[in-house]
Amino acid sequence: MSGASYAKSGVDLRKALKMQGSLADILGQTFASRAGKFGQPLMPIGHYAGVIDLGGGTALTMHTDGVGTKVLVAQELGVFDTIGIDCVAMTVNDLICLGSEPVAVLDYIALERQDEKLVEGLSKGLVEGAKEASVAIVGGETAVLGDMVKGVSGRGFDLVSMGVGVVKKDSIIDGEAVAEGDSIVGVASSGLHSNGYTLARRAFARMPMKEEVPSLGSTLGEALLTPTSIYVKPALEAVRKAEVHGIAHITGGSFAKLTRLAGQRKLLFDILLPPPPAIFSLLMSEGDVSEREMYRTFNMGVGLCLCVPEQESRKVRNVFESSGFDTYSLGSVQKGSGVRVNGLKMA
């Protein structure tokens, strides 16, 4: 797998961003339908969540996300009781990036065939994730789509969630307050989370999933199915206790996500990451993936970034560390543009 990349694996982030931009332009035409009415959109498409006006100084945030091809690892191993945590995490972690409190989730399960044991496992994870995020799962949809959904050994499924949160309009964190001199606080991830698995699965294609890997302290399968961290409770506490200018959930596109906090302004997010956890080093060597490609695709051990005034950095770190998360002082916001990680230009 010489020179493996996300694009060669089938996911070209540049093309994906262009497609997303075109889609946002088209869908944005619908905003006129609610202009001046209850539910008027407050932000254009493209941030971490959609935001609509509920009146009385309150806004509703909405986001939808899935687990991606991590579901194929679960199917291969026949392990389904953690993947629901990922599904909840990918939605609620984006909602908190606007400073909003997630309150409810809907789930969508598409199945290759009816499989009660599989659905029971997924449901267990969904409930565990919802409890950790303090949200209610208020409904959803289950569909059997054998002609469309094809998986591993007849266990094919896809899993998606849609979540809503609430925030005071004057407390929305949209990145506009991010300024030169801000510190960047990083919060540790639990592993790959739920991104980059199209590349990761190819990198590990020749490694057995169920054998112990000494450097990981677990089997490869267990490492790959480690659930996505849920940052809701400490993130909301940090917003209450400290001045937070911007929050970025590090998912698809990795640290390039920080450009969302700059908008059209010229800001450079200069980051120096600690050595990555073992799963990333193993992936890099097994897949012959370049350093730059690793930092453009994976979270490399940091799942959440917060931009805060320098004097607030220690306060924010204390909040997350009190909840059991490792934190890092990653760098600062500087004059310039884009994102630089370990000296490499990401965006």
Protein backbone atom coordinates (compact mmCIF):
# COMPACT_ATOMS: atom_id res chain seq x y z
CA MET A 1 0.00 0.00 0.00
CA SER A 2 2.72 2.44 -1.04
CA GLY A 3 1.78 6.04 -0.37
CA ALA A 4 -1.72 5.21 0.86
CA SER A 5 -4.13 8.11 1.17
CA TYR A 6 -7.76 8.83 1.94
CA ALA A 7 -8.30 9.90 -1.67
CA LYS A 8 -6.80 6.67 -3.06
CA SER A 9 -9.08 4.76 -0.69
CA GLY A 10 -12.09 6.44 -2.27
CA VAL A 11 -12.66 9.56 -0.14
CA ASP A 12 -11.26 12.72 -1.75
CA LEU A 13 -11.79 15.47 0.83
CA ARG A 14 -11.27 18.28 -1.67
CA LYS A 15 -13.97 16.93 -3.95
CA ALA A 16 -16.20 16.26 -0.93
CA LEU A 17 -15.85 19.85 0.29
CA LYS A 18 -16.64 21.18 -3.18
CA MET A 19 -19.73 18.96 -3.35
CA GLN A 20 -20.83 20.03 0.13
CA GLY A 21 -20.41 23.68 -0.81
CA SER A 22 -22.56 23.27 -3.90
CA LEU A 23 -25.20 21.41 -1.91
CA ALA A 24 -25.22 24.12 0.77
CA ASP A 25 -25.76 26.79 -1.89
CA ILE A 26 -28.72 24.89 -3.34
CA LEU A 27 -30.34 24.04 0.00
CA GLY A 28 -29.75 27.54 1.29
CA GLN A 29 -32.38 28.74 -1.18
CA THR A 30 -35.00 27.29 1.18
CA PHE A 31 -34.12 29.79 3.91
CA ALA A 32 -36.39 32.35 2.27
CA SER A 33 -39.39 30.17 3.16
CA ARG A 34 -38.94 30.97 6.86
CA ALA A 35 -37.57 34.51 6.65
CA GLY A 36 -39.29 36.71 9.23
CA LYS A 37 -41.25 33.76 10.60
CA PHE A 38 -40.99 31.44 13.60
CA GLY A 39 -38.09 29.11 12.93
CA GLN A 40 -36.09 31.56 10.84
CA PRO A 41 -32.56 30.23 10.17
CA LEU A 42 -29.90 32.21 12.02
CA MET A 43 -26.75 30.86 10.36
CA PRO A 44 -25.86 29.69 6.85
CA ILE A 45 -25.23 26.01 6.17
CA GLY A 46 -21.66 24.96 6.81
CA HIS A 47 -20.94 25.24 10.52
CA TYR A 48 -21.26 22.36 12.98
CA ALA A 49 -25.05 22.62 13.22
CA GLY A 50 -28.02 24.38 11.73
CA VAL A 51 -29.52 27.07 13.93
CA ILE A 52 -33.09 28.39 13.92
CA ASP A 53 -34.79 31.11 15.95
CA LEU A 54 -37.37 29.89 18.48
CA GLY A 55 -38.16 33.38 19.76
CA GLY A 56 -37.78 34.63 23.30
CA GLY A 57 -34.00 34.79 22.92
CA THR A 58 -33.66 31.02 22.37
CA ALA A 59 -32.32 29.14 19.37
CA LEU A 60 -32.60 25.50 18.34
CA THR A 61 -29.52 23.74 16.98
CA MET A 62 -29.80 20.68 14.73
CA HIS A 63 -27.27 18.22 13.39
CA THR A 64 -27.27 14.80 11.74
CA ASP A 65 -24.39 12.35 11.39
CA GLY A 66 -23.54 8.69 11.05
CA VAL A 67 -20.83 6.23 11.99
CA GLY A 68 -19.40 5.72 8.50
CA THR A 69 -17.56 2.55 7.50
CA LYS A 70 -16.74 1.78 11.12
CA VAL A 71 -19.97 -0.21 10.89
CA LEU A 72 -18.12 -2.68 8.62
CA VAL A 73 -15.64 -3.44 11.41
CA ALA A 74 -18.55 -4.12 13.76
CA GLN A 75 -20.11 -6.42 11.15
CA GLU A 76 -16.86 -8.30 10.57
CA LEU A 77 -16.45 -8.93 14.30
CA GLY A 78 -20.14 -9.41 15.07
CA VAL A 79 -19.88 -6.83 17.88
CA PHE A 80 -22.68 -4.26 17.95
CA ASP A 81 -22.99 -2.98 21.52
CA THR A 82 -20.62 -0.01 21.18
CA ILE A 83 -21.37 1.36 17.73
CA GLY A 84 -24.51 3.11 19.00
CA ILE A 85 -22.32 5.18 21.34
CA ASP A 86 -20.45 6.39 18.27
CA CYS A 87 -23.69 7.34 16.57
CA VAL A 88 -24.83 9.52 19.47
CA ALA A 89 -21.35 10.97 19.97
CA MET A 90 -20.93 12.13 16.38
CA THR A 91 -24.11 14.19 16.64
CA VAL A 92 -23.94 15.61 20.16
CA ASN A 93 -20.26 16.51 19.90
CA ASP A 94 -21.07 18.71 16.92
CA LEU A 95 -24.01 20.36 18.70
CA ILE A 96 -21.79 21.50 21.58
CA CYS A 97 -19.51 23.31 19.13
CA LEU A 98 -22.17 26.06 18.99
CA GLY A 99 -22.32 26.20 22.78
CA SER A 100 -25.70 24.48 22.70
CA GLU A 101 -26.96 21.84 25.10
CA PRO A 102 -28.04 18.64 23.29
CA VAL A 103 -31.52 17.60 24.46
CA ALA A 104 -32.90 14.94 22.13
CA VAL A 105 -31.85 12.47 19.45
CA LEU A 106 -33.58 10.44 16.73
CA ASP A 107 -31.97 7.35 15.23
CA TYR A 108 -32.22 5.70 11.82
CA ILE A 109 -31.23 2.05 11.35
CA ALA A 110 -31.11 0.59 7.83
CA LEU A 111 -30.77 -3.20 7.79
CA GLU A 112 -29.76 -5.74 5.19
CA ARG A 113 -32.18 -8.18 6.81
CA GLN A 114 -34.24 -8.44 9.97
CA ASP A 115 -31.89 -9.25 12.83
CA GLU A 116 -33.16 -8.77 16.36
CA LYS A 117 -29.80 -9.54 18.00
CA LEU A 118 -28.05 -6.92 15.88
CA VAL A 119 -30.68 -4.27 16.60
CA GLU A 120 -30.59 -5.13 20.30
CA GLY A 121 -26.84 -4.54 20.33
CA LEU A 122 -27.14 -1.24 18.49
CA SER A 123 -29.90 -0.14 20.87
CA LYS A 124 -27.73 -0.92 23.89
CA GLY A 125 -25.03 1.40 22.58
CA LEU A 126 -27.51 4.12 21.65
CA VAL A 127 -28.92 4.10 25.18
CA GLU A 128 -25.45 4.17 26.77
CA GLY A 129 -24.40 7.08 24.57
CA ALA A 130 -27.60 8.97 25.26
CA LYS A 131 -27.15 8.57 29.02
CA GLU A 132 -23.59 9.83 28.81
CA ALA A 133 -24.72 12.87 26.82
CA SER A 134 -27.84 13.43 28.98
CA VAL A 135 -30.15 13.36 25.96
CA ALA A 136 -33.42 11.52 25.32
CA ILE A 137 -33.88 9.31 22.27
CA VAL A 138 -37.43 10.30 21.37
CA GLY A 139 -37.99 8.21 18.24
CA GLY A 140 -36.48 7.05 15.00
CA GLU A 141 -36.87 4.74 12.04
CA THR A 142 -35.87 1.19 11.25
CA ALA A 143 -35.95 0.00 7.65
CA VAL A 144 -35.13 -3.36 6.05
CA LEU A 145 -33.46 -2.56 2.73
CA GLY A 146 -31.95 -5.79 1.52
CA ASP A 147 -31.75 -4.61 -2.08
CA MET A 148 -29.74 -1.56 -1.05
CA VAL A 149 -27.77 -2.36 2.10
CA LYS A 150 -25.06 -4.99 1.70
CA GLY A 151 -22.66 -5.76 4.49
CA VAL A 152 -20.46 -8.51 5.92
CA SER A 153 -21.88 -12.04 6.33
CA GLY A 154 -25.47 -10.82 6.00
CA ARG A 155 -25.03 -8.37 8.90
CA GLY A 156 -25.22 -5.23 6.79
CA PHE A 157 -26.57 -2.07 8.42
CA ASP A 158 -26.13 1.68 8.50
CA LEU A 159 -26.70 3.82 11.56
CA VAL A 160 -27.47 7.56 11.63
CA SER A 161 -28.69 9.99 14.26
CA MET A 162 -30.21 13.44 14.22
CA GLY A 163 -29.96 15.58 17.32
CA VAL A 164 -31.31 18.88 18.57
CA GLY A 165 -30.00 21.27 21.18
CA VAL A 166 -30.89 24.62 22.68
CA VAL A 167 -28.85 27.74 23.27
CA LYS A 168 -29.52 31.38 24.09
CA LYS A 169 -29.08 33.42 20.93
CA ASP A 170 -26.64 35.76 22.60
CA SER A 171 -24.55 32.78 23.77
CA ILE A 172 -24.03 31.05 20.42
CA ILE A 173 -20.37 30.15 19.91
CA ASP A 174 -19.78 30.55 16.19
CA GLY A 175 -16.07 31.39 16.21
CA GLU A 176 -16.57 35.11 15.62
CA ALA A 177 -14.86 35.88 18.92
CA VAL A 178 -11.72 33.90 18.03
CA ALA A 179 -8.81 36.33 17.84
CA GLU A 180 -5.04 36.50 17.44
CA GLY A 181 -3.39 35.47 20.67
CA ASP A 182 -6.03 32.96 21.69
CA SER A 183 -4.74 29.68 23.08
CA ILE A 184 -5.79 26.35 21.58
CA VAL A 185 -6.70 23.70 24.14
CA GLY A 186 -6.90 20.10 22.95
CA VAL A 187 -8.91 17.33 24.60
CA ALA A 188 -7.82 13.73 24.11
CA SER A 189 -9.71 11.35 21.87
CA SER A 190 -10.31 7.70 22.70
CA GLY A 191 -8.80 6.57 19.40
CA LEU A 192 -9.85 6.88 15.78
CA HIS A 193 -13.39 7.83 16.85
CA SER A 194 -15.61 7.41 13.76
CA ASN A 195 -13.61 8.94 10.92
CA GLY A 196 -11.10 7.78 8.36
CA TYR A 197 -12.13 4.13 8.51
CA THR A 198 -12.15 3.76 4.74
CA LEU A 199 -8.39 4.34 4.86
CA ALA A 200 -7.85 2.58 8.19
CA ARG A 201 -9.56 -0.63 7.07
CA ARG A 202 -7.33 -0.77 4.00
CA ALA A 203 -4.22 -0.07 6.05
CA PHE A 204 -5.05 -2.95 8.40
CA ALA A 205 -6.40 -5.31 5.74
CA ARG A 206 -3.63 -7.88 6.29
CA MET A 207 -3.71 -7.82 10.08
CA PRO A 208 -5.89 -10.26 12.03
CA MET A 209 -8.66 -8.51 13.94
CA LYS A 210 -8.88 -10.91 16.87
CA GLU A 211 -5.23 -11.37 17.84
CA GLU A 212 -3.63 -9.37 20.63
CA VAL A 213 -1.36 -6.56 19.45
CA PRO A 214 1.25 -5.83 22.15
CA SER A 215 1.65 -2.14 21.26
CA LEU A 216 -2.12 -1.65 21.62
CA GLY A 217 -2.67 -3.75 24.72
CA SER A 218 -5.74 -5.21 23.01
CA THR A 219 -6.76 -6.85 19.77
CA LEU A 220 -6.86 -4.69 16.65
CA GLY A 221 -10.63 -5.18 16.46
CA GLU A 222 -11.11 -3.94 20.02
CA ALA A 223 -8.97 -0.88 19.32
CA LEU A 224 -10.90 -0.07 16.14
CA LEU A 225 -14.25 -0.42 17.91
CA THR A 226 -13.31 1.81 20.85
CA PRO A 227 -16.30 4.20 21.08
CA THR A 228 -16.03 7.88 20.23
CA SER A 229 -15.56 10.09 23.28
CA ILE A 230 -18.59 12.12 24.31
CA TYR A 231 -17.55 15.61 25.43
CA VAL A 232 -20.96 17.09 26.24
CA LYS A 233 -20.85 17.46 30.03
CA PRO A 234 -17.36 18.96 30.45
CA ALA A 235 -17.77 21.13 27.34
CA LEU A 236 -20.96 22.70 28.68
CA GLU A 237 -19.32 23.19 32.06
CA ALA A 238 -16.34 24.87 30.40
CA VAL A 239 -18.64 27.24 28.54
CA ARG A 240 -20.38 28.12 31.81
CA LYS A 241 -17.19 28.67 33.80
CA ALA A 242 -14.84 30.21 31.25
CA GLU A 243 -14.69 32.48 28.23
CA VAL A 244 -14.70 30.19 25.17
CA HIS A 245 -14.32 31.77 21.74
CA GLY A 246 -14.56 28.70 19.53
CA ILE A 247 -15.00 24.92 19.67
CA ALA A 248 -14.05 22.43 16.95
CA HIS A 249 -14.95 18.74 16.93
CA ILE A 250 -12.10 17.00 15.09
CA THR A 251 -13.79 14.62 12.64
CA GLY A 252 -13.65 14.22 8.82
CA GLY A 253 -10.95 16.49 7.44
CA SER A 254 -9.28 16.48 10.85
CA PHE A 255 -7.74 19.76 12.01
CA ALA A 256 -8.81 21.61 8.87
CA LYS A 257 -12.14 21.82 10.73
CA LEU A 258 -10.68 24.76 12.66
CA THR A 259 -11.06 26.96 9.57
CA ARG A 260 -14.80 27.00 10.34
CA LEU A 261 -13.99 29.18 13.33
CA ALA A 262 -12.25 31.77 11.18
CA GLY A 263 -15.05 32.34 8.69
CA GLN A 264 -13.79 34.82 6.08
CA ARG A 265 -11.17 36.28 8.43
CA LYS A 266 -7.43 35.74 8.15
CA LEU A 267 -6.45 33.57 11.10
CA LEU A 268 -3.76 30.91 11.39
CA PHE A 269 -4.32 28.06 13.83
CA ASP A 270 -0.79 26.93 14.70
CA ILE A 271 -0.80 23.56 16.45
CA LEU A 272 1.91 21.33 17.89
CA LEU A 273 0.48 17.92 18.79
CA PRO A 274 1.87 15.47 21.34
CA PRO A 275 3.05 12.04 20.09
CA PRO A 276 0.01 10.14 18.80
CA PRO A 277 -1.43 7.07 20.58
CA ALA A 278 -0.25 3.65 19.42
CA ILE A 279 -3.20 2.96 17.09
CA PHE A 280 -2.18 5.89 14.88
CA SER A 281 1.50 4.91 14.75
CA LEU A 282 0.51 1.36 13.84
CA LEU A 283 -1.85 2.59 11.12
CA MET A 284 0.84 4.83 9.68
CA SER A 285 3.40 2.01 9.45
CA GLU A 286 1.04 -0.77 8.32
CA GLY A 287 -0.58 1.38 5.65
CA ASP A 288 2.50 3.31 4.54
CA VAL A 289 0.59 6.52 5.15
CA SER A 290 2.54 9.79 5.09
CA GLU A 291 2.69 12.02 8.16
CA ARG A 292 0.83 14.81 6.38
CA GLU A 293 -1.91 12.41 5.26
CA MET A 294 -2.30 11.11 8.81
CA TYR A 295 -2.78 14.63 10.19
CA ARG A 296 -5.17 15.54 7.36
CA THR A 297 -7.36 12.46 7.91
CA PHE A 298 -7.29 11.38 11.57
CA ASN A 299 -7.66 13.13 14.93
CA MET A 300 -4.22 11.83 16.00
CA GLY A 301 -5.27 11.66 19.63
CA VAL A 302 -7.13 14.97 19.93
CA GLY A 303 -10.91 14.88 19.51
CA LEU A 304 -11.89 18.41 20.53
CA CYS A 305 -10.19 21.82 20.29
CA LEU A 306 -11.23 24.97 22.13
CA CYS A 307 -9.97 28.46 21.34
CA VAL A 308 -9.86 30.54 24.50
CA PRO A 309 -8.11 33.65 25.84
CA GLU A 310 -4.70 32.64 27.18
CA GLN A 311 -5.71 33.39 30.77
CA GLU A 312 -8.67 31.00 30.49
CA SER A 313 -6.67 28.03 29.22
CA ARG A 314 -5.87 26.46 32.59
CA LYS A 315 -9.46 26.87 33.77
CA VAL A 316 -10.81 25.04 30.70
CA ARG A 317 -8.23 22.29 31.01
CA ASN A 318 -9.14 21.76 34.68
CA VAL A 319 -12.79 21.23 33.76
CA PHE A 320 -12.01 18.47 31.26
CA GLU A 321 -9.36 16.87 33.43
CA SER A 322 -11.84 16.70 36.31
CA SER A 323 -14.04 14.62 34.00
CA GLY A 324 -11.20 12.21 33.25
CA PHE A 325 -9.96 13.62 29.94
CA ASP A 326 -6.32 14.35 29.22
CA THR A 327 -5.81 17.85 27.83
CA TYR A 328 -3.03 19.62 25.97
CA SER A 329 -1.88 23.16 25.31
CA LEU A 330 -1.64 22.84 21.53
CA GLY A 331 -0.67 26.28 20.32
CA SER A 332 -2.21 29.57 19.44
CA VAL A 333 -4.19 31.60 16.95
CA GLN A 334 -1.89 33.84 14.93
CA LYS A 335 -1.92 36.35 12.12
CA GLY A 336 -2.13 34.53 8.80
CA SER A 337 -4.56 32.01 7.37
CA GLY A 338 -5.34 28.31 7.52
CA VAL A 339 -4.25 25.53 9.86
CA ARG A 340 -0.69 24.37 10.51
CA VAL A 341 -0.07 21.14 12.48
CA ASN A 342 3.45 20.19 13.54
CA GLY A 343 4.72 22.62 10.92
CA LEU A 344 2.65 21.05 8.14
CA LYS A 345 0.03 23.11 6.33
CA MET A 346 -3.36 21.39 6.63
CA ALA A 347 -5.66 24.02 5.13
